[in-house]
Amino acid sequence: MSTKTVETLAISKLEFARQVKEARKRGEESLKHDPRAISAKYENGLVTVNLLHGWSFSFNPRIYRGLKDATEEELFEVAPLGLGFALEWESIDQHLGVGPIILDLIGDKYLTSELGRRNGAARSERKRVASQTNGKLGGRPKKA
């Protein structure tokens, strides 16, 4: 097995150090803000996940392809993996990210509409000027 050195990666040691520093910073931010499971259990057909910051949620594990045909005993094995960014079913080698599960539960339609609503509510000088300019032109067109 060959080991790669910074020189064989075609980047300078300075660039490598910069990238490592950046990755550590992203990792620290992820530890602070990304959802992390502290416990998980399977009961009555649902997996209930307790998150680090006090929230919890439940979901039907059988909606995921790798768990669809799992036995009840296999589903009972659910546990947080590592720092809690994923759930693991070790005996069947299945892993699900906590963040992606939450996004699945929320749904794309709600998520995109909420992001649009929040972004549309932003106040900026550029938005104010554009609104004034549109007002001088008669505002929004009338609906027919």
Protein backbone atom coordinates (compact mmCIF):
# COMPACT_ATOMS: atom_id res chain seq x y z
CA MET A 1 0.00 0.00 0.00
CA SER A 2 1.42 3.35 -0.98
CA THR A 3 1.14 6.40 1.23
CA LYS A 4 0.59 9.76 -0.38
CA THR A 5 2.57 12.77 0.65
CA VAL A 6 1.62 16.40 0.24
CA GLU A 7 4.02 16.60 -2.70
CA THR A 8 2.31 13.73 -4.57
CA LEU A 9 -1.06 15.46 -4.17
CA ALA A 10 0.21 18.33 -6.33
CA ILE A 11 -0.54 21.01 -3.73
CA SER A 12 1.87 23.02 -1.64
CA LYS A 13 2.31 22.42 2.08
CA LEU A 14 0.87 25.88 2.67
CA GLU A 15 -2.25 25.06 0.62
CA PHE A 16 -2.58 21.72 2.42
CA ALA A 17 -2.39 23.47 5.81
CA ARG A 18 -5.02 25.98 4.67
CA GLN A 19 -7.38 23.19 3.59
CA VAL A 20 -6.91 21.31 6.87
CA LYS A 21 -7.68 24.48 8.84
CA GLU A 22 -10.81 25.08 6.73
CA ALA A 23 -11.98 21.47 7.19
CA ARG A 24 -11.51 21.69 10.96
CA LYS A 25 -13.55 24.90 11.04
CA ARG A 26 -16.38 23.26 9.05
CA GLY A 27 -16.23 20.27 11.39
CA GLU A 28 -16.54 22.49 14.47
CA GLU A 29 -19.53 24.29 12.93
CA SER A 30 -21.12 20.95 12.09
CA LEU A 31 -20.72 19.78 15.68
CA LYS A 32 -22.50 22.93 16.90
CA HIS A 33 -25.36 23.13 14.41
CA ASP A 34 -26.07 19.84 12.62
CA PRO A 35 -28.65 17.47 14.14
CA ARG A 36 -27.04 14.71 16.21
CA ALA A 37 -28.76 11.71 17.75
CA ILE A 38 -28.07 10.85 21.38
CA SER A 39 -30.38 7.84 21.41
CA ALA A 40 -32.64 5.85 19.12
CA LYS A 41 -35.06 3.00 19.69
CA TYR A 42 -37.47 0.94 17.63
CA GLU A 43 -40.92 0.47 19.12
CA ASN A 44 -44.42 -0.12 17.70
CA GLY A 45 -43.19 0.04 14.10
CA LEU A 46 -41.40 3.39 14.51
CA VAL A 47 -37.85 4.51 15.22
CA THR A 48 -37.79 7.34 17.75
CA VAL A 49 -34.68 9.51 17.72
CA ASN A 50 -33.71 11.89 20.53
CA LEU A 51 -31.46 14.73 19.41
CA LEU A 52 -28.65 16.43 21.31
CA HIS A 53 -30.49 19.76 21.63
CA GLY A 54 -33.66 18.28 23.14
CA TRP A 55 -35.79 17.64 20.06
CA SER A 56 -37.04 14.22 19.03
CA PHE A 57 -38.80 12.70 16.04
CA SER A 58 -40.15 9.33 14.92
CA PHE A 59 -40.28 7.69 11.53
CA ASN A 60 -41.22 4.43 9.87
CA PRO A 61 -37.89 2.74 8.99
CA ARG A 62 -39.51 0.54 6.36
CA ILE A 63 -39.81 3.47 3.94
CA TYR A 64 -36.05 3.15 3.37
CA ARG A 65 -34.94 0.52 0.87
CA GLY A 66 -32.25 -1.06 3.07
CA LEU A 67 -34.67 -1.51 5.96
CA LYS A 68 -37.79 -2.51 4.04
CA ASP A 69 -37.24 -6.27 4.48
CA ALA A 70 -35.51 -6.13 7.89
CA THR A 71 -36.89 -8.32 10.66
CA GLU A 72 -38.28 -6.83 13.85
CA GLU A 73 -35.20 -8.10 15.73
CA GLU A 74 -32.90 -6.35 13.26
CA LEU A 75 -34.83 -3.08 13.54
CA PHE A 76 -34.51 -3.20 17.35
CA GLU A 77 -30.72 -2.88 16.94
CA VAL A 78 -30.87 0.79 15.89
CA ALA A 79 -28.30 3.02 17.58
CA PRO A 80 -26.59 6.35 16.92
CA LEU A 81 -23.34 5.94 15.01
CA GLY A 82 -20.20 7.74 16.18
CA LEU A 83 -20.95 11.35 17.10
CA GLY A 84 -24.63 10.88 16.26
CA PHE A 85 -24.78 12.22 12.71
CA ALA A 86 -26.16 8.86 11.53
CA LEU A 87 -28.16 5.87 12.75
CA GLU A 88 -26.82 2.35 12.38
CA TRP A 89 -28.25 -1.13 12.16
CA GLU A 90 -25.00 -3.03 12.54
CA SER A 91 -26.08 -6.63 11.81
CA ILE A 92 -27.57 -5.66 8.44
CA ASP A 93 -24.94 -2.99 7.69
CA GLN A 94 -27.44 -0.16 7.17
CA HIS A 95 -26.81 3.50 7.96
CA LEU A 96 -29.08 6.54 7.64
CA GLY A 97 -28.01 10.15 8.13
CA VAL A 98 -30.00 12.01 10.78
CA GLY A 99 -30.14 15.24 8.74
CA PRO A 100 -31.41 13.54 5.56
CA ILE A 101 -34.10 11.69 7.56
CA ILE A 102 -35.34 15.00 8.95
CA LEU A 103 -35.40 16.52 5.46
CA ASP A 104 -37.38 13.51 4.21
CA LEU A 105 -39.92 14.00 7.01
CA ILE A 106 -40.30 17.73 6.38
CA GLY A 107 -40.71 17.28 2.64
CA ASP A 108 -39.30 19.18 -0.32
CA LYS A 109 -42.46 21.20 -0.98
CA TYR A 110 -42.63 22.68 2.52
CA LEU A 111 -38.89 23.21 2.74
CA THR A 112 -38.63 25.11 -0.55
CA SER A 113 -41.69 27.25 0.20
CA GLU A 114 -40.38 28.11 3.67
CA LEU A 115 -36.93 29.01 2.31
CA GLY A 116 -38.57 31.18 -0.35
CA ARG A 117 -40.74 32.90 2.25
CA ARG A 118 -37.77 33.62 4.50
CA ASN A 119 -35.55 34.80 1.65
CA GLY A 120 -38.36 36.96 0.29
CA ALA A 121 -38.73 38.64 3.66
CA ALA A 122 -35.12 39.83 3.59
CA ARG A 123 -34.65 43.59 3.85
CA SER A 124 -31.84 45.09 1.84
CA GLU A 125 -31.00 48.36 0.19
CA ARG A 126 -30.98 46.69 -3.21
CA LYS A 127 -34.46 45.24 -2.65
CA ARG A 128 -35.81 48.62 -1.46
CA VAL A 129 -34.45 50.40 -4.56
CA ALA A 130 -35.91 47.74 -6.87
CA SER A 131 -39.30 48.10 -5.17
CA GLN A 132 -39.25 51.88 -5.58
CA THR A 133 -38.28 51.55 -9.24
CA ASN A 134 -41.13 49.09 -9.85
CA GLY A 135 -43.54 51.48 -8.07
CA LYS A 136 -42.56 54.32 -10.40
CA LEU A 137 -43.38 52.08 -13.35
CA GLY A 138 -46.92 51.47 -12.05
CA GLY A 139 -46.20 48.59 -9.70
CA ARG A 140 -47.18 45.03 -10.36
CA PRO A 141 -49.24 44.35 -13.46
CA LYS A 142 -52.98 43.98 -12.87
CA LYS A 143 -54.34 40.44 -12.95
CA ALA A 144 -56.52 39.83 -15.96
